[in-house]
Amino acid sequence: MPGTMIFIDTDGHRDERTLKAAPKLEELQKMVGGYIQLVPLFSRVAHSSGMQKCVVLCNEDGKNLNMPLNREATRLWQLSAGKAPIQDVLVGPIVILFGDPSFMEAL
């Protein structure tokens, strides 16, 4: 069940890891700094292996917590949405997850 997790911090720093199993909820919450929320219309990401279907998570209360703007994640979100206009921004760190069908089902 191979998968990939990409963490993008607000300074644009990107950390990519190959995973053998889907990460646990607690790990994801720690990475985004609180409760997680699925980012709507962010369902594809460009990767060295081509466009990948993905799940993207952010801190559900990030704006209320005044987390800093995540320019790189917002840029990728706008690219993923295609023709659907995004009139919003992502704040705080985000996590992108993608992988084979069994990895995606385990999320």
N, C-alpha and C. Protein backbone atom coordinates (compact mmCIF):
# COMPACT_ATOMS: atom_id res chain seq x y z
N MET A 1 0.83 -1.18 0.00
CA MET A 1 0.00 0.00 0.00
C MET A 1 0.88 1.25 0.00
N PRO A 2 1.62 1.53 -1.07
CA PRO A 2 2.49 2.70 -1.09
C PRO A 2 1.72 4.00 -1.30
N GLY A 3 2.17 5.03 -0.59
CA GLY A 3 1.57 6.34 -0.72
C GLY A 3 2.63 7.40 -0.52
N THR A 4 2.24 8.65 -0.76
CA THR A 4 3.15 9.78 -0.60
C THR A 4 2.45 10.85 0.22
N MET A 5 3.22 11.48 1.09
CA MET A 5 2.73 12.61 1.88
C MET A 5 3.66 13.78 1.62
N ILE A 6 3.07 14.90 1.23
CA ILE A 6 3.82 16.15 1.04
C ILE A 6 3.31 17.14 2.07
N PHE A 7 4.24 17.66 2.86
CA PHE A 7 3.94 18.69 3.86
C PHE A 7 4.46 20.00 3.31
N ILE A 8 3.61 21.03 3.27
CA ILE A 8 4.04 22.36 2.81
C ILE A 8 3.81 23.35 3.95
N ASP A 9 4.90 23.93 4.44
CA ASP A 9 4.82 24.91 5.52
C ASP A 9 4.58 26.30 4.93
N THR A 10 4.26 27.25 5.78
CA THR A 10 3.91 28.59 5.32
C THR A 10 5.08 29.34 4.70
N ASP A 11 6.30 28.91 4.97
CA ASP A 11 7.46 29.56 4.34
C ASP A 11 7.79 28.93 2.99
N GLY A 12 6.95 28.00 2.53
CA GLY A 12 7.16 27.34 1.24
C GLY A 12 7.98 26.08 1.33
N HIS A 13 8.55 25.80 2.53
CA HIS A 13 9.34 24.58 2.70
C HIS A 13 8.45 23.36 2.45
N ARG A 14 8.98 22.43 1.68
CA ARG A 14 8.24 21.22 1.31
C ARG A 14 9.01 20.00 1.76
N ASP A 15 8.30 19.09 2.42
CA ASP A 15 8.89 17.83 2.86
C ASP A 15 8.04 16.71 2.28
N GLU A 16 8.67 15.83 1.51
CA GLU A 16 7.95 14.73 0.88
C GLU A 16 8.44 13.40 1.43
N ARG A 17 7.49 12.54 1.80
CA ARG A 17 7.83 11.23 2.35
C ARG A 17 7.02 10.14 1.66
N THR A 18 7.65 9.00 1.47
CA THR A 18 6.95 7.82 0.99
C THR A 18 6.44 7.07 2.22
N LEU A 19 5.19 6.65 2.16
CA LEU A 19 4.56 5.97 3.29
C LEU A 19 4.15 4.56 2.91
N LYS A 20 4.26 3.65 3.86
CA LYS A 20 3.78 2.28 3.65
C LYS A 20 2.33 2.13 4.06
N ALA A 21 1.85 3.05 4.91
CA ALA A 21 0.47 3.02 5.39
C ALA A 21 -0.02 4.45 5.55
N ALA A 22 -1.34 4.61 5.55
CA ALA A 22 -1.93 5.93 5.75
C ALA A 22 -1.55 6.45 7.13
N PRO A 23 -1.25 7.74 7.26
CA PRO A 23 -0.90 8.29 8.56
C PRO A 23 -2.10 8.29 9.51
N LYS A 24 -1.81 8.26 10.79
CA LYS A 24 -2.86 8.28 11.81
C LYS A 24 -3.38 9.72 11.97
N LEU A 25 -4.63 9.82 12.40
CA LEU A 25 -5.27 11.11 12.60
C LEU A 25 -4.43 12.02 13.48
N GLU A 26 -3.91 11.50 14.57
CA GLU A 26 -3.13 12.31 15.50
C GLU A 26 -1.90 12.91 14.84
N GLU A 27 -1.25 12.13 13.97
CA GLU A 27 -0.08 12.63 13.26
C GLU A 27 -0.45 13.78 12.33
N LEU A 28 -1.57 13.63 11.61
CA LEU A 28 -2.02 14.68 10.70
C LEU A 28 -2.39 15.95 11.48
N GLN A 29 -3.06 15.78 12.61
CA GLN A 29 -3.43 16.94 13.43
C GLN A 29 -2.18 17.67 13.93
N LYS A 30 -1.18 16.93 14.32
CA LYS A 30 0.06 17.55 14.78
C LYS A 30 0.72 18.34 13.65
N MET A 31 0.68 17.79 12.44
CA MET A 31 1.33 18.45 11.31
C MET A 31 0.67 19.78 10.95
N VAL A 32 -0.68 19.84 11.03
CA VAL A 32 -1.37 21.08 10.67
C VAL A 32 -1.65 21.97 11.88
N GLY A 33 -1.31 21.50 13.06
CA GLY A 33 -1.45 22.32 14.26
C GLY A 33 -2.85 22.38 14.83
N GLY A 34 -3.65 21.33 14.63
CA GLY A 34 -5.00 21.30 15.19
C GLY A 34 -5.89 20.34 14.44
N TYR A 35 -7.20 20.53 14.61
CA TYR A 35 -8.16 19.67 13.90
C TYR A 35 -7.99 19.83 12.40
N ILE A 36 -8.17 18.72 11.67
CA ILE A 36 -7.98 18.77 10.22
C ILE A 36 -9.28 19.04 9.49
N GLN A 37 -9.12 19.63 8.32
CA GLN A 37 -10.23 19.90 7.42
C GLN A 37 -9.80 19.56 6.01
N LEU A 38 -10.67 18.93 5.25
CA LEU A 38 -10.42 18.63 3.85
C LEU A 38 -10.52 19.93 3.05
N VAL A 39 -9.55 20.18 2.18
CA VAL A 39 -9.58 21.38 1.34
C VAL A 39 -10.44 21.08 0.12
N PRO A 40 -11.55 21.82 -0.06
CA PRO A 40 -12.43 21.55 -1.20
C PRO A 40 -11.78 21.93 -2.53
N LEU A 41 -12.12 21.22 -3.57
CA LEU A 41 -11.64 21.47 -4.94
C LEU A 41 -10.14 21.30 -5.10
N PHE A 42 -9.49 20.69 -4.13
CA PHE A 42 -8.04 20.40 -4.23
C PHE A 42 -7.93 18.89 -4.33
N SER A 43 -8.07 18.38 -5.55
CA SER A 43 -8.16 16.93 -5.73
C SER A 43 -7.09 16.35 -6.65
N ARG A 44 -6.24 17.22 -7.20
CA ARG A 44 -5.16 16.75 -8.07
C ARG A 44 -3.92 17.58 -7.80
N VAL A 45 -2.78 16.91 -7.87
CA VAL A 45 -1.51 17.61 -7.66
C VAL A 45 -0.50 17.09 -8.68
N ALA A 46 0.30 18.02 -9.20
CA ALA A 46 1.36 17.63 -10.13
C ALA A 46 2.52 17.05 -9.32
N HIS A 47 3.01 15.92 -9.79
CA HIS A 47 4.11 15.24 -9.12
C HIS A 47 5.05 14.72 -10.19
N SER A 48 6.24 14.33 -9.80
CA SER A 48 7.21 13.81 -10.77
C SER A 48 6.66 12.59 -11.51
N SER A 49 5.71 11.90 -10.89
CA SER A 49 5.09 10.74 -11.52
C SER A 49 3.83 11.12 -12.31
N GLY A 50 3.60 12.42 -12.50
CA GLY A 50 2.44 12.89 -13.26
C GLY A 50 1.37 13.45 -12.33
N MET A 51 0.23 13.83 -12.92
CA MET A 51 -0.88 14.34 -12.11
C MET A 51 -1.44 13.20 -11.25
N GLN A 52 -1.63 13.48 -9.98
CA GLN A 52 -2.10 12.48 -9.04
C GLN A 52 -3.39 12.95 -8.37
N LYS A 53 -4.35 12.02 -8.22
CA LYS A 53 -5.52 12.31 -7.40
C LYS A 53 -5.03 12.37 -5.97
N CYS A 54 -5.53 13.34 -5.21
CA CYS A 54 -5.00 13.53 -3.86
C CYS A 54 -6.09 13.95 -2.89
N VAL A 55 -5.72 13.93 -1.63
CA VAL A 55 -6.51 14.46 -0.53
C VAL A 55 -5.62 15.51 0.13
N VAL A 56 -6.18 16.70 0.38
CA VAL A 56 -5.40 17.78 0.97
C VAL A 56 -6.07 18.23 2.26
N LEU A 57 -5.26 18.36 3.31
CA LEU A 57 -5.77 18.71 4.63
C LEU A 57 -5.11 19.98 5.14
N CYS A 58 -5.90 20.77 5.88
CA CYS A 58 -5.39 21.97 6.52
C CYS A 58 -5.97 22.03 7.94
N ASN A 59 -5.60 23.05 8.69
CA ASN A 59 -6.14 23.26 10.03
C ASN A 59 -7.52 23.89 9.87
N GLU A 60 -8.56 23.24 10.41
CA GLU A 60 -9.92 23.72 10.20
C GLU A 60 -10.16 25.09 10.84
N ASP A 61 -9.35 25.49 11.80
CA ASP A 61 -9.54 26.75 12.49
C ASP A 61 -8.38 27.71 12.21
N GLY A 62 -7.63 27.43 11.14
CA GLY A 62 -6.42 28.20 10.85
C GLY A 62 -6.64 29.70 10.71
N LYS A 63 -7.71 30.11 10.07
CA LYS A 63 -7.96 31.55 9.90
C LYS A 63 -8.31 32.21 11.22
N ASN A 64 -9.12 31.54 12.04
CA ASN A 64 -9.47 32.09 13.36
C ASN A 64 -8.25 32.17 14.27
N LEU A 65 -7.27 31.30 14.04
CA LEU A 65 -6.03 31.31 14.82
C LEU A 65 -4.99 32.26 14.24
N ASN A 66 -5.37 32.97 13.17
CA ASN A 66 -4.47 33.91 12.49
C ASN A 66 -3.17 33.25 12.02
N MET A 67 -3.30 32.02 11.52
CA MET A 67 -2.12 31.35 10.96
C MET A 67 -1.67 32.10 9.71
N PRO A 68 -0.38 32.08 9.42
CA PRO A 68 0.14 32.82 8.26
C PRO A 68 -0.34 32.21 6.93
N LEU A 69 -0.41 33.07 5.94
CA LEU A 69 -0.77 32.67 4.59
C LEU A 69 0.21 31.62 4.08
N ASN A 70 -0.31 30.62 3.40
CA ASN A 70 0.53 29.61 2.76
C ASN A 70 0.43 29.84 1.25
N ARG A 71 1.33 30.66 0.74
CA ARG A 71 1.29 31.07 -0.68
C ARG A 71 1.45 29.87 -1.63
N GLU A 72 2.39 28.99 -1.32
CA GLU A 72 2.64 27.85 -2.22
C GLU A 72 1.43 26.92 -2.25
N ALA A 73 0.85 26.62 -1.10
CA ALA A 73 -0.32 25.75 -1.07
C ALA A 73 -1.50 26.41 -1.78
N THR A 74 -1.68 27.71 -1.61
CA THR A 74 -2.76 28.42 -2.29
C THR A 74 -2.56 28.37 -3.80
N ARG A 75 -1.33 28.54 -4.25
CA ARG A 75 -1.03 28.47 -5.70
C ARG A 75 -1.37 27.09 -6.25
N LEU A 76 -0.98 26.04 -5.54
CA LEU A 76 -1.28 24.68 -5.99
C LEU A 76 -2.78 24.41 -5.97
N TRP A 77 -3.48 24.94 -4.99
CA TRP A 77 -4.93 24.79 -4.89
C TRP A 77 -5.61 25.42 -6.11
N GLN A 78 -5.18 26.61 -6.47
CA GLN A 78 -5.76 27.29 -7.63
C GLN A 78 -5.50 26.51 -8.92
N LEU A 79 -4.30 25.92 -9.04
CA LEU A 79 -4.00 25.10 -10.21
C LEU A 79 -4.86 23.84 -10.24
N SER A 80 -5.07 23.23 -9.09
CA SER A 80 -5.85 22.00 -9.00
C SER A 80 -7.31 22.24 -9.36
N ALA A 81 -7.83 23.39 -8.98
CA ALA A 81 -9.25 23.69 -9.21
C ALA A 81 -9.57 23.91 -10.68
N GLY A 82 -8.55 24.17 -11.50
CA GLY A 82 -8.78 24.36 -12.93
C GLY A 82 -9.63 25.59 -13.20
N LYS A 83 -10.77 25.37 -13.86
CA LYS A 83 -11.64 26.48 -14.24
C LYS A 83 -12.52 26.97 -13.10
N ALA A 84 -12.61 26.21 -12.02
CA ALA A 84 -13.40 26.64 -10.86
C ALA A 84 -12.63 27.74 -10.14
N PRO A 85 -13.18 28.96 -10.10
CA PRO A 85 -12.42 30.05 -9.47
C PRO A 85 -12.34 29.87 -7.95
N ILE A 86 -11.14 30.04 -7.42
CA ILE A 86 -10.91 29.98 -5.98
C ILE A 86 -10.78 31.42 -5.49
N GLN A 87 -11.70 31.83 -4.66
CA GLN A 87 -11.69 33.18 -4.11
C GLN A 87 -11.28 33.15 -2.63
N ASP A 88 -10.35 32.29 -2.31
CA ASP A 88 -9.95 32.08 -0.93
C ASP A 88 -8.46 31.79 -0.90
N VAL A 89 -7.90 31.71 0.29
CA VAL A 89 -6.49 31.38 0.47
C VAL A 89 -6.37 30.29 1.53
N LEU A 90 -5.26 29.58 1.49
CA LEU A 90 -4.96 28.60 2.53
C LEU A 90 -3.98 29.23 3.51
N VAL A 91 -4.20 28.93 4.78
CA VAL A 91 -3.32 29.43 5.83
C VAL A 91 -2.79 28.25 6.62
N GLY A 92 -1.64 28.46 7.24
CA GLY A 92 -1.04 27.40 8.04
C GLY A 92 -0.46 26.30 7.16
N PRO A 93 0.15 25.33 7.80
CA PRO A 93 0.73 24.21 7.06
C PRO A 93 -0.37 23.32 6.47
N ILE A 94 -0.05 22.68 5.34
CA ILE A 94 -1.00 21.75 4.72
C ILE A 94 -0.30 20.42 4.47
N VAL A 95 -1.13 19.39 4.31
CA VAL A 95 -0.65 18.04 4.01
C VAL A 95 -1.37 17.55 2.77
N ILE A 96 -0.60 17.06 1.80
CA ILE A 96 -1.15 16.46 0.58
C ILE A 96 -0.84 14.96 0.64
N LEU A 97 -1.85 14.14 0.42
CA LEU A 97 -1.69 12.69 0.45
C LEU A 97 -2.17 12.09 -0.87
N PHE A 98 -1.39 11.18 -1.42
CA PHE A 98 -1.83 10.44 -2.61
C PHE A 98 -1.10 9.11 -2.67
N GLY A 99 -1.65 8.20 -3.45
CA GLY A 99 -1.03 6.89 -3.56
C GLY A 99 -1.90 5.92 -4.32
N ASP A 100 -1.58 4.64 -4.18
CA ASP A 100 -2.34 3.62 -4.89
C ASP A 100 -3.76 3.53 -4.29
N PRO A 101 -4.67 2.83 -4.98
CA PRO A 101 -6.08 2.78 -4.52
C PRO A 101 -6.24 2.30 -3.07
N SER A 102 -5.48 1.31 -2.63
CA SER A 102 -5.66 0.83 -1.26
C SER A 102 -5.19 1.88 -0.24
N PHE A 103 -4.15 2.65 -0.58
CA PHE A 103 -3.69 3.72 0.30
C PHE A 103 -4.78 4.80 0.40
N MET A 104 -5.35 5.18 -0.72
CA MET A 104 -6.37 6.24 -0.74
C MET A 104 -7.62 5.79 0.01
N GLU A 105 -7.98 4.53 -0.11
CA GLU A 105 -9.17 4.03 0.62
C GLU A 105 -8.94 4.05 2.12
N ALA A 106 -7.71 3.92 2.56
CA ALA A 106 -7.40 3.88 3.99
C ALA A 106 -7.43 5.26 4.64
N LEU A 107 -7.50 6.32 3.82
CA LEU A 107 -7.49 7.67 4.39
C LEU A 107 -8.82 8.02 5.02
